[in-house]
């Protein structure tokens, strides 16, 4: 009966374990940096057995890859306001809120470390870039369908996402809505922006 109850309940212990393990990885990266802790230390911090992590993720690289992708993409829903400018402003504010949160810097550092950590890390980087690109391309495509002039995806990445990430990594200033709105406005007001219809 207990087993049947476990199967019926969505999330439950499995979701809690995932959340605790993800937080443990994020905390350890923030405290020590990537590559300076073991699965055993993650397990101890999360309050689970080593075998739970090995069974579910297989390796520390696979686990840290999942943490990076989840933390940098899960919390940024795609806005649909009816205006590209407002969609991008809301999206940029969401990204800034995610990376400017208590774990944001640690997760960005983890993403950079993983991108230099072999094939699994490069795959994580590519998946992260593709995920963000897909979100932004969706906003561009909707805008074009409405007849709005829209920048290319690479311009959005260069002029909106990149400054948010750089400012976070180097502690170069706050990430308030005025700042993120100014990034979007500069891009969309640029004379060469929106040449594609």
N, C-alpha and C. Protein backbone atom coordinates (compact mmCIF):
# COMPACT_ATOMS: atom_id res chain seq x y z
N UNK A 1 0.83 -1.21 0.00
CA UNK A 1 0.00 0.00 0.00
C UNK A 1 0.87 1.26 0.00
N UNK A 2 1.92 1.26 0.83
CA UNK A 2 2.82 2.41 0.88
C UNK A 2 3.49 2.60 -0.47
N UNK A 3 3.83 1.48 -1.14
CA UNK A 3 4.47 1.55 -2.45
C UNK A 3 3.52 2.16 -3.47
N UNK A 4 2.23 1.75 -3.41
CA UNK A 4 1.24 2.30 -4.33
C UNK A 4 1.08 3.80 -4.10
N UNK A 5 1.09 4.22 -2.83
CA UNK A 5 0.94 5.63 -2.50
C UNK A 5 2.11 6.43 -3.06
N UNK A 6 3.33 5.82 -2.98
CA UNK A 6 4.53 6.49 -3.48
C UNK A 6 4.43 6.71 -4.99
N UNK A 7 3.90 5.71 -5.70
CA UNK A 7 3.78 5.80 -7.15
C UNK A 7 2.75 6.86 -7.54
N UNK A 8 1.65 6.95 -6.79
CA UNK A 8 0.59 7.88 -7.11
C UNK A 8 0.96 9.34 -6.89
N UNK A 9 1.77 9.59 -5.91
CA UNK A 9 2.04 10.96 -5.51
C UNK A 9 3.03 11.61 -6.47
N UNK A 10 2.64 12.68 -7.17
CA UNK A 10 3.58 13.31 -8.10
C UNK A 10 4.67 14.05 -7.34
N UNK A 11 5.87 13.99 -7.86
CA UNK A 11 6.97 14.68 -7.19
C UNK A 11 7.39 13.92 -5.97
N UNK A 12 6.88 14.31 -4.84
CA UNK A 12 7.16 13.62 -3.59
C UNK A 12 8.62 13.60 -3.25
N UNK A 13 9.08 12.46 -2.75
CA UNK A 13 10.45 12.33 -2.29
C UNK A 13 11.45 12.55 -3.42
N UNK A 14 11.14 12.06 -4.61
CA UNK A 14 12.07 12.19 -5.73
C UNK A 14 12.34 13.66 -6.05
N UNK A 15 11.28 14.46 -6.08
CA UNK A 15 11.44 15.89 -6.36
C UNK A 15 12.22 16.57 -5.23
N UNK A 16 11.96 16.16 -4.00
CA UNK A 16 12.66 16.73 -2.84
C UNK A 16 14.15 16.39 -2.89
N UNK A 17 14.46 15.14 -3.23
CA UNK A 17 15.86 14.72 -3.34
C UNK A 17 16.56 15.53 -4.43
N UNK A 18 15.91 15.67 -5.59
CA UNK A 18 16.50 16.45 -6.69
C UNK A 18 16.79 17.88 -6.24
N UNK A 19 15.81 18.50 -5.58
CA UNK A 19 15.97 19.87 -5.11
C UNK A 19 17.11 19.99 -4.10
N UNK A 20 17.17 19.06 -3.14
CA UNK A 20 18.21 19.10 -2.11
C UNK A 20 19.60 18.88 -2.70
N UNK A 21 19.70 17.96 -3.66
CA UNK A 21 20.99 17.68 -4.29
C UNK A 21 21.42 18.87 -5.15
N UNK A 22 20.51 19.44 -5.90
CA UNK A 22 20.83 20.63 -6.70
C UNK A 22 21.32 21.76 -5.80
N UNK A 23 20.65 21.98 -4.68
CA UNK A 23 21.06 23.05 -3.78
C UNK A 23 22.42 22.77 -3.18
N UNK A 24 22.68 21.50 -2.85
CA UNK A 24 23.99 21.13 -2.29
C UNK A 24 25.11 21.43 -3.29
N UNK A 25 24.90 21.09 -4.55
CA UNK A 25 25.90 21.37 -5.58
C UNK A 25 26.12 22.88 -5.70
N UNK A 26 25.03 23.63 -5.76
CA UNK A 26 25.12 25.08 -5.89
C UNK A 26 25.87 25.69 -4.72
N UNK A 27 25.57 25.25 -3.51
CA UNK A 27 26.24 25.77 -2.32
C UNK A 27 27.73 25.45 -2.33
N UNK A 28 28.07 24.23 -2.72
CA UNK A 28 29.48 23.83 -2.74
C UNK A 28 30.26 24.60 -3.81
N UNK A 29 29.64 24.85 -4.95
CA UNK A 29 30.30 25.65 -5.99
C UNK A 29 30.52 27.07 -5.48
N UNK A 30 29.51 27.63 -4.80
CA UNK A 30 29.64 28.99 -4.27
C UNK A 30 30.75 29.08 -3.24
N UNK A 31 30.89 28.05 -2.41
CA UNK A 31 31.89 28.06 -1.35
C UNK A 31 33.29 27.75 -1.84
N UNK A 32 33.41 26.81 -2.79
CA UNK A 32 34.74 26.30 -3.15
C UNK A 32 35.10 26.40 -4.62
N UNK A 33 34.11 26.50 -5.49
CA UNK A 33 34.38 26.46 -6.92
C UNK A 33 34.18 25.07 -7.47
N UNK A 34 34.15 24.98 -8.79
CA UNK A 34 33.92 23.71 -9.47
C UNK A 34 35.16 22.82 -9.37
N UNK A 35 34.94 21.53 -9.25
CA UNK A 35 36.04 20.56 -9.25
C UNK A 35 36.74 20.40 -7.92
N UNK A 36 36.15 20.94 -6.86
CA UNK A 36 36.82 20.88 -5.55
C UNK A 36 36.02 20.10 -4.52
N UNK A 37 35.02 19.34 -4.99
CA UNK A 37 34.23 18.54 -4.06
C UNK A 37 33.84 17.23 -4.74
N UNK A 38 33.40 16.29 -3.92
CA UNK A 38 33.09 14.94 -4.40
C UNK A 38 31.60 14.66 -4.31
N UNK A 39 31.20 13.56 -4.92
CA UNK A 39 29.82 13.12 -4.79
C UNK A 39 29.49 12.85 -3.33
N UNK A 40 30.45 12.30 -2.58
CA UNK A 40 30.23 12.05 -1.17
C UNK A 40 29.90 13.32 -0.40
N UNK A 41 30.58 14.42 -0.74
CA UNK A 41 30.31 15.69 -0.06
C UNK A 41 28.95 16.26 -0.47
N UNK A 42 28.60 16.09 -1.74
CA UNK A 42 27.27 16.53 -2.18
C UNK A 42 26.20 15.74 -1.43
N UNK A 43 26.41 14.42 -1.35
CA UNK A 43 25.43 13.56 -0.69
C UNK A 43 25.27 13.95 0.78
N UNK A 44 26.39 14.17 1.44
CA UNK A 44 26.34 14.55 2.86
C UNK A 44 25.60 15.87 3.04
N UNK A 45 25.88 16.83 2.18
CA UNK A 45 25.24 18.14 2.28
C UNK A 45 23.73 18.02 2.01
N UNK A 46 23.36 17.14 1.07
CA UNK A 46 21.94 16.99 0.70
C UNK A 46 21.19 16.05 1.63
N UNK A 47 21.93 15.30 2.45
CA UNK A 47 21.27 14.36 3.36
C UNK A 47 20.78 13.10 2.67
N UNK A 48 21.52 12.67 1.62
CA UNK A 48 21.16 11.43 0.92
C UNK A 48 22.40 10.53 0.85
N UNK A 49 22.19 9.30 0.45
CA UNK A 49 23.30 8.36 0.30
C UNK A 49 24.03 8.60 -1.02
N UNK A 50 25.34 8.32 -1.03
CA UNK A 50 26.12 8.41 -2.27
C UNK A 50 25.45 7.62 -3.38
N UNK A 51 24.96 6.43 -3.02
CA UNK A 51 24.37 5.55 -4.03
C UNK A 51 23.16 6.18 -4.71
N UNK A 52 22.45 7.02 -3.99
CA UNK A 52 21.29 7.71 -4.58
C UNK A 52 21.76 8.60 -5.73
N UNK A 53 22.86 9.31 -5.52
CA UNK A 53 23.37 10.20 -6.56
C UNK A 53 23.93 9.40 -7.73
N UNK A 54 24.70 8.35 -7.44
CA UNK A 54 25.25 7.53 -8.52
C UNK A 54 24.14 6.89 -9.34
N UNK A 55 23.10 6.40 -8.65
CA UNK A 55 22.00 5.71 -9.34
C UNK A 55 21.23 6.70 -10.23
N UNK A 56 21.02 7.89 -9.74
CA UNK A 56 20.19 8.86 -10.48
C UNK A 56 20.96 9.63 -11.54
N UNK A 57 22.21 10.02 -11.23
CA UNK A 57 22.96 10.88 -12.15
C UNK A 57 24.16 10.20 -12.78
N UNK A 58 24.70 9.18 -12.13
CA UNK A 58 25.81 8.44 -12.71
C UNK A 58 27.19 9.01 -12.45
N UNK A 59 27.32 10.34 -12.50
CA UNK A 59 28.62 10.96 -12.28
C UNK A 59 28.42 12.39 -11.79
N UNK A 60 29.49 12.95 -11.23
CA UNK A 60 29.45 14.33 -10.77
C UNK A 60 29.27 15.29 -11.95
N UNK A 61 29.90 14.96 -13.08
CA UNK A 61 29.78 15.82 -14.26
C UNK A 61 28.34 15.87 -14.76
N UNK A 62 27.68 14.71 -14.80
CA UNK A 62 26.28 14.68 -15.25
C UNK A 62 25.39 15.46 -14.29
N UNK A 63 25.65 15.33 -13.00
CA UNK A 63 24.87 16.06 -12.00
C UNK A 63 25.08 17.56 -12.13
N UNK A 64 26.32 18.01 -12.20
CA UNK A 64 26.56 19.45 -12.28
C UNK A 64 26.03 20.02 -13.59
N UNK A 65 26.05 19.24 -14.65
CA UNK A 65 25.45 19.67 -15.91
C UNK A 65 23.96 19.91 -15.74
N UNK A 66 23.27 18.96 -15.11
CA UNK A 66 21.83 19.12 -14.90
C UNK A 66 21.52 20.34 -14.03
N UNK A 67 22.32 20.54 -12.99
CA UNK A 67 22.11 21.68 -12.10
C UNK A 67 22.25 22.99 -12.88
N UNK A 68 23.29 23.08 -13.69
CA UNK A 68 23.53 24.31 -14.44
C UNK A 68 22.38 24.62 -15.38
N UNK A 69 21.97 23.64 -16.16
CA UNK A 69 20.91 23.86 -17.13
C UNK A 69 19.59 24.19 -16.42
N UNK A 70 19.29 23.44 -15.36
CA UNK A 70 18.03 23.69 -14.64
C UNK A 70 18.01 25.08 -14.02
N UNK A 71 19.11 25.47 -13.39
CA UNK A 71 19.13 26.76 -12.69
C UNK A 71 19.15 27.95 -13.64
N UNK A 72 19.69 27.77 -14.84
CA UNK A 72 19.79 28.90 -15.75
C UNK A 72 18.65 28.97 -16.76
N UNK A 73 17.77 27.97 -16.78
CA UNK A 73 16.68 28.03 -17.76
C UNK A 73 15.30 27.81 -17.15
N UNK A 74 15.18 27.05 -16.06
CA UNK A 74 13.86 26.69 -15.55
C UNK A 74 13.03 27.88 -15.10
N UNK A 75 13.66 28.93 -14.59
CA UNK A 75 12.91 30.02 -13.97
C UNK A 75 12.63 31.18 -14.89
N UNK A 76 12.74 30.98 -16.20
CA UNK A 76 12.56 32.09 -17.12
C UNK A 76 11.47 31.76 -18.14
N UNK A 77 10.20 31.86 -17.75
CA UNK A 77 9.14 31.60 -18.72
C UNK A 77 9.17 32.64 -19.83
N UNK A 78 8.64 32.28 -20.98
CA UNK A 78 8.65 33.18 -22.13
C UNK A 78 7.44 34.10 -22.05
N UNK A 79 7.66 35.40 -21.91
CA UNK A 79 6.53 36.34 -21.85
C UNK A 79 5.81 36.42 -23.20
N UNK A 80 4.53 36.76 -23.15
CA UNK A 80 3.75 36.96 -24.37
C UNK A 80 2.81 38.13 -24.12
N UNK A 81 3.34 39.35 -24.26
CA UNK A 81 2.59 40.56 -23.92
C UNK A 81 1.88 41.16 -25.12
N UNK A 82 2.22 40.68 -26.34
CA UNK A 82 1.67 41.29 -27.55
C UNK A 82 2.60 42.33 -28.15
N UNK A 83 3.75 42.56 -27.53
CA UNK A 83 4.73 43.54 -28.01
C UNK A 83 6.12 42.98 -27.79
N UNK A 84 6.97 43.00 -28.82
CA UNK A 84 8.32 42.48 -28.67
C UNK A 84 9.09 43.24 -27.60
N UNK A 85 8.96 44.56 -27.60
CA UNK A 85 9.69 45.35 -26.61
C UNK A 85 9.31 44.92 -25.19
N UNK A 86 8.02 44.77 -24.93
CA UNK A 86 7.58 44.39 -23.58
C UNK A 86 7.92 42.94 -23.27
N UNK A 87 7.85 42.06 -24.28
CA UNK A 87 8.26 40.66 -24.09
C UNK A 87 9.73 40.61 -23.67
N UNK A 88 10.59 41.34 -24.40
CA UNK A 88 12.02 41.31 -24.12
C UNK A 88 12.35 41.96 -22.78
N UNK A 89 11.63 43.02 -22.45
CA UNK A 89 11.86 43.64 -21.15
C UNK A 89 11.53 42.66 -20.03
N UNK A 90 10.38 41.99 -20.13
CA UNK A 90 9.98 41.03 -19.09
C UNK A 90 10.96 39.86 -19.04
N UNK A 91 11.39 39.39 -20.21
CA UNK A 91 12.33 38.27 -20.26
C UNK A 91 13.67 38.65 -19.63
N UNK A 92 14.19 39.83 -20.01
CA UNK A 92 15.47 40.28 -19.47
C UNK A 92 15.39 40.47 -17.96
N UNK A 93 14.27 40.99 -17.48
CA UNK A 93 14.09 41.15 -16.04
C UNK A 93 14.10 39.80 -15.34
N UNK A 94 13.46 38.79 -15.96
CA UNK A 94 13.45 37.45 -15.38
C UNK A 94 14.84 36.83 -15.33
N UNK A 95 15.60 36.98 -16.41
CA UNK A 95 16.97 36.45 -16.45
C UNK A 95 17.82 37.14 -15.38
N UNK A 96 17.70 38.47 -15.30
CA UNK A 96 18.48 39.22 -14.31
C UNK A 96 18.10 38.80 -12.89
N UNK A 97 16.83 38.56 -12.67
CA UNK A 97 16.38 38.11 -11.34
C UNK A 97 16.99 36.75 -11.01
N UNK A 98 17.00 35.84 -12.00
CA UNK A 98 17.57 34.50 -11.78
C UNK A 98 19.06 34.57 -11.47
N UNK A 99 19.83 35.26 -12.32
CA UNK A 99 21.28 35.27 -12.12
C UNK A 99 21.69 36.21 -11.00
N UNK A 100 20.82 37.17 -10.66
CA UNK A 100 21.13 38.08 -9.57
C UNK A 100 20.70 37.56 -8.22
N UNK A 101 20.05 36.39 -8.19
CA UNK A 101 19.60 35.78 -6.94
C UNK A 101 20.77 35.22 -6.15
N UNK A 102 20.47 34.62 -5.00
CA UNK A 102 21.55 34.16 -4.12
C UNK A 102 22.46 33.11 -4.74
N UNK A 103 21.96 32.32 -5.69
CA UNK A 103 22.77 31.26 -6.30
C UNK A 103 23.26 31.62 -7.69
N UNK A 104 22.86 32.78 -8.20
CA UNK A 104 23.13 33.11 -9.59
C UNK A 104 24.59 33.10 -9.98
N UNK A 105 25.43 33.76 -9.20
CA UNK A 105 26.85 33.83 -9.52
C UNK A 105 27.49 32.45 -9.50
N UNK A 106 27.14 31.65 -8.51
CA UNK A 106 27.71 30.29 -8.43
C UNK A 106 27.32 29.47 -9.66
N UNK A 107 26.08 29.60 -10.09
CA UNK A 107 25.64 28.81 -11.24
C UNK A 107 26.30 29.29 -12.52
N UNK A 108 26.47 30.60 -12.69
CA UNK A 108 27.19 31.10 -13.87
C UNK A 108 28.64 30.61 -13.88
N UNK A 109 29.28 30.65 -12.72
CA UNK A 109 30.65 30.14 -12.64
C UNK A 109 30.71 28.66 -12.97
N UNK A 110 29.70 27.92 -12.52
CA UNK A 110 29.62 26.50 -12.83
C UNK A 110 29.47 26.30 -14.33
N UNK A 111 28.64 27.09 -14.97
CA UNK A 111 28.45 26.97 -16.42
C UNK A 111 29.76 27.21 -17.17
N UNK A 112 30.52 28.21 -16.73
CA UNK A 112 31.81 28.50 -17.38
C UNK A 112 32.79 27.37 -17.15
N UNK A 113 32.86 26.88 -15.92
CA UNK A 113 33.78 25.77 -15.63
C UNK A 113 33.42 24.53 -16.43
N UNK A 114 32.14 24.23 -16.53
CA UNK A 114 31.71 23.05 -17.28
C UNK A 114 32.05 23.17 -18.76
N UNK A 115 31.97 24.37 -19.30
CA UNK A 115 32.21 24.53 -20.74
C UNK A 115 33.66 24.22 -21.08
N UNK A 116 34.53 24.20 -20.08
CA UNK A 116 35.94 23.85 -20.29
C UNK A 116 36.29 22.48 -19.72
N UNK A 117 35.26 21.69 -19.41
CA UNK A 117 35.49 20.42 -18.70
C UNK A 117 35.16 19.20 -19.55
N UNK A 118 35.55 19.24 -20.81
CA UNK A 118 35.37 18.07 -21.65
C UNK A 118 34.04 18.02 -22.37
N UNK A 119 33.76 16.86 -22.93
CA UNK A 119 32.60 16.69 -23.81
C UNK A 119 31.28 16.94 -23.09
N UNK A 120 31.13 16.44 -21.87
CA UNK A 120 29.88 16.62 -21.14
C UNK A 120 29.64 18.11 -20.88
N UNK A 121 30.69 18.82 -20.51
CA UNK A 121 30.57 20.24 -20.24
C UNK A 121 30.23 21.04 -21.49
N UNK A 122 30.86 20.69 -22.59
CA UNK A 122 30.54 21.38 -23.84
C UNK A 122 29.10 21.12 -24.27
N UNK A 123 28.64 19.89 -24.05
CA UNK A 123 27.24 19.57 -24.36
C UNK A 123 26.30 20.38 -23.49
N UNK A 124 26.66 20.58 -22.21
CA UNK A 124 25.84 21.39 -21.30
C UNK A 124 25.80 22.83 -21.79
N UNK A 125 26.96 23.36 -22.17
CA UNK A 125 27.00 24.73 -22.69
C UNK A 125 26.12 24.87 -23.92
N UNK A 126 26.24 23.91 -24.84
CA UNK A 126 25.45 23.98 -26.06
C UNK A 126 23.96 23.88 -25.76
N UNK A 127 23.62 23.03 -24.80
CA UNK A 127 22.20 22.87 -24.43
C UNK A 127 21.66 24.15 -23.79
N UNK A 128 22.48 24.78 -22.97
CA UNK A 128 22.08 26.02 -22.32
C UNK A 128 21.88 27.13 -23.36
N UNK A 129 22.84 27.28 -24.27
CA UNK A 129 22.74 28.31 -25.30
C UNK A 129 21.54 28.03 -26.20
N UNK A 130 21.34 26.76 -26.55
CA UNK A 130 20.21 26.40 -27.41
C UNK A 130 18.89 26.68 -26.69
N UNK A 131 18.82 26.39 -25.39
CA UNK A 131 17.59 26.64 -24.62
C UNK A 131 17.24 28.11 -24.58
N UNK A 132 18.23 28.95 -24.26
CA UNK A 132 18.00 30.39 -24.25
C UNK A 132 17.64 30.88 -25.65
N UNK A 133 18.37 30.37 -26.65
CA UNK A 133 18.11 30.78 -28.02
C UNK A 133 16.70 30.44 -28.47
N UNK A 134 16.24 29.27 -28.09
CA UNK A 134 14.89 28.83 -28.46
C UNK A 134 13.84 29.74 -27.82
N UNK A 135 14.06 30.11 -26.56
CA UNK A 135 13.13 31.01 -25.88
C UNK A 135 13.05 32.35 -26.59
N UNK A 136 14.21 32.92 -26.90
CA UNK A 136 14.24 34.24 -27.53
C UNK A 136 13.75 34.19 -28.97
N UNK A 137 14.08 33.11 -29.69
CA UNK A 137 13.61 32.99 -31.07
C UNK A 137 12.09 32.91 -31.11
N UNK A 138 11.50 32.28 -30.10
CA UNK A 138 10.04 32.22 -30.03
C UNK A 138 9.43 33.61 -29.94
N UNK A 139 10.04 34.50 -29.16
CA UNK A 139 9.54 35.87 -29.05
C UNK A 139 9.72 36.62 -30.37
N UNK A 140 10.87 36.41 -31.03
CA UNK A 140 11.13 37.05 -32.31
C UNK A 140 10.11 36.58 -33.35
N UNK A 141 9.88 35.27 -33.41
CA UNK A 141 8.95 34.72 -34.40
C UNK A 141 7.54 35.25 -34.20
N UNK A 142 7.10 35.35 -32.95
CA UNK A 142 5.77 35.90 -32.68
C UNK A 142 5.69 37.36 -33.13
N UNK A 143 6.75 38.12 -32.84
CA UNK A 143 6.77 39.53 -33.23
C UNK A 143 6.71 39.68 -34.75
N UNK A 144 7.46 38.87 -35.44
CA UNK A 144 7.46 38.94 -36.91
C UNK A 144 6.09 38.56 -37.47
N UNK A 145 5.45 37.59 -36.85
CA UNK A 145 4.10 37.19 -37.29
C UNK A 145 3.10 38.33 -37.09
N UNK A 146 3.36 39.20 -36.10
CA UNK A 146 2.49 40.36 -35.87
C UNK A 146 2.87 41.53 -36.78
N UNK A 147 3.96 41.37 -37.53
CA UNK A 147 4.40 42.44 -38.41
C UNK A 147 5.40 43.40 -37.78
N UNK A 148 5.91 43.07 -36.59
CA UNK A 148 6.89 43.94 -35.93
C UNK A 148 8.27 43.70 -36.52
N UNK A 149 9.03 44.78 -36.67
CA UNK A 149 10.43 44.65 -37.08
C UNK A 149 11.20 44.10 -35.89
N UNK A 150 12.06 43.11 -36.15
CA UNK A 150 12.70 42.39 -35.05
C UNK A 150 14.18 42.18 -35.32
N UNK A 151 15.00 42.25 -34.28
CA UNK A 151 16.43 41.97 -34.45
C UNK A 151 16.67 40.48 -34.65
N UNK A 152 17.87 40.16 -35.05
CA UNK A 152 18.27 38.75 -35.17
C UNK A 152 18.57 38.20 -33.78
N UNK A 153 18.49 36.88 -33.66
CA UNK A 153 18.73 36.20 -32.39
C UNK A 153 20.11 36.54 -31.83
N UNK A 154 21.14 36.53 -32.67
CA UNK A 154 22.50 36.79 -32.19
C UNK A 154 22.60 38.19 -31.58
N UNK A 155 21.84 39.14 -32.13
CA UNK A 155 21.86 40.49 -31.57
C UNK A 155 21.24 40.52 -30.18
N UNK A 156 20.17 39.76 -30.00
CA UNK A 156 19.57 39.67 -28.66
C UNK A 156 20.56 39.07 -27.66
N UNK A 157 21.25 38.02 -28.09
CA UNK A 157 22.23 37.41 -27.19
C UNK A 157 23.36 38.38 -26.85
N UNK A 158 23.87 39.06 -27.88
CA UNK A 158 25.00 39.97 -27.68
C UNK A 158 24.65 41.20 -26.87
N UNK A 159 23.45 41.73 -27.08
CA UNK A 159 23.12 43.05 -26.52
C UNK A 159 22.20 43.01 -25.30
N UNK A 160 21.59 41.85 -25.04
CA UNK A 160 20.72 41.76 -23.87
C UNK A 160 21.23 40.72 -22.88
N UNK A 161 21.41 39.47 -23.33
CA UNK A 161 21.85 38.43 -22.39
C UNK A 161 23.29 38.62 -21.93
N UNK A 162 24.20 38.81 -22.88
CA UNK A 162 25.62 38.89 -22.53
C UNK A 162 25.92 39.97 -21.49
N UNK A 163 25.39 41.18 -21.62
CA UNK A 163 25.69 42.19 -20.59
C UNK A 163 25.18 41.81 -19.20
N UNK A 164 24.04 41.13 -19.14
CA UNK A 164 23.52 40.69 -17.84
C UNK A 164 24.48 39.69 -17.20
N UNK A 165 24.93 38.73 -18.00
CA UNK A 165 25.85 37.72 -17.47
C UNK A 165 27.19 38.34 -17.08
N UNK A 166 27.72 39.21 -17.93
CA UNK A 166 29.02 39.84 -17.64
C UNK A 166 28.93 40.69 -16.38
N UNK A 167 27.87 41.46 -16.27
CA UNK A 167 27.71 42.32 -15.09
C UNK A 167 27.63 41.46 -13.82
N UNK A 168 26.97 40.32 -13.91
CA UNK A 168 26.88 39.42 -12.75
C UNK A 168 28.24 38.83 -12.42
N UNK A 169 28.93 38.32 -13.42
CA UNK A 169 30.22 37.66 -13.18
C UNK A 169 31.26 38.59 -12.58
N UNK A 170 31.25 39.85 -13.01
CA UNK A 170 32.28 40.78 -12.56
C UNK A 170 31.79 41.76 -11.50
N UNK A 171 30.56 41.58 -11.04
CA UNK A 171 30.03 42.48 -10.02
C UNK A 171 30.08 43.93 -10.47
N UNK A 172 29.75 44.15 -11.75
CA UNK A 172 29.95 45.47 -12.34
C UNK A 172 28.78 46.42 -12.17
N UNK A 173 27.82 46.07 -11.37
CA UNK A 173 26.71 46.98 -11.13
C UNK A 173 25.42 46.24 -10.91
N UNK A 174 24.38 46.96 -10.52
CA UNK A 174 23.10 46.32 -10.21
C UNK A 174 22.39 45.84 -11.48
N UNK A 175 21.43 44.94 -11.31
CA UNK A 175 20.67 44.38 -12.42
C UNK A 175 19.20 44.75 -12.30
N UNK A 176 18.93 45.97 -11.93
CA UNK A 176 17.54 46.40 -11.77
C UNK A 176 16.80 46.51 -13.09
N UNK A 177 15.48 46.73 -12.99
CA UNK A 177 14.66 46.82 -14.19
C UNK A 177 15.06 47.98 -15.09
N UNK A 178 15.52 49.09 -14.51
CA UNK A 178 15.97 50.21 -15.34
C UNK A 178 17.13 49.78 -16.24
N UNK A 179 18.03 49.00 -15.67
CA UNK A 179 19.18 48.54 -16.46
C UNK A 179 18.74 47.59 -17.57
N UNK A 180 17.94 46.57 -17.21
CA UNK A 180 17.54 45.59 -18.23
C UNK A 180 16.66 46.25 -19.30
N UNK A 181 15.79 47.17 -18.89
CA UNK A 181 14.97 47.89 -19.88
C UNK A 181 15.86 48.68 -20.84
N UNK A 182 16.93 49.28 -20.30
CA UNK A 182 17.82 50.08 -21.16
C UNK A 182 18.54 49.20 -22.18
N UNK A 183 18.86 47.95 -21.81
CA UNK A 183 19.49 47.04 -22.77
C UNK A 183 18.56 46.77 -23.94
N UNK A 184 17.31 46.47 -23.61
CA UNK A 184 16.32 46.18 -24.65
C UNK A 184 16.09 47.42 -25.51
N UNK A 185 15.93 48.56 -24.86
CA UNK A 185 15.64 49.79 -25.61
C UNK A 185 16.79 50.16 -26.54
N UNK A 186 18.04 50.03 -26.07
CA UNK A 186 19.18 50.35 -26.92
C UNK A 186 19.21 49.44 -28.15
N UNK A 187 18.91 48.16 -27.94
CA UNK A 187 18.92 47.23 -29.07
C UNK A 187 17.81 47.58 -30.07
N UNK A 188 16.60 47.77 -29.58
CA UNK A 188 15.48 47.99 -30.48
C UNK A 188 15.49 49.39 -31.10
N UNK A 189 16.15 50.35 -30.45
CA UNK A 189 16.21 51.71 -30.99
C UNK A 189 17.40 51.92 -31.92
N UNK A 190 18.30 50.94 -31.97
CA UNK A 190 19.48 51.05 -32.83
C UNK A 190 19.03 51.12 -34.28
N UNK A 191 19.65 51.97 -35.09
CA UNK A 191 19.18 52.14 -36.48
C UNK A 191 19.23 50.87 -37.32
N UNK A 192 20.14 49.94 -36.98
CA UNK A 192 20.22 48.69 -37.77
C UNK A 192 19.38 47.57 -37.17
N UNK A 193 18.78 47.82 -35.99
CA UNK A 193 17.97 46.78 -35.36
C UNK A 193 16.63 46.68 -36.06
N UNK A 194 16.16 45.44 -36.20
CA UNK A 194 14.83 45.26 -36.77
C UNK A 194 14.80 45.34 -38.28
N UNK A 195 15.95 45.11 -38.93
CA UNK A 195 15.97 45.16 -40.39
C UNK A 195 15.28 43.95 -41.00
N UNK A 196 15.12 42.88 -40.19
CA UNK A 196 14.46 41.68 -40.69
C UNK A 196 12.98 41.76 -40.37
N UNK A 197 12.15 41.47 -41.32
CA UNK A 197 10.71 41.52 -41.07
C UNK A 197 10.14 40.14 -41.13
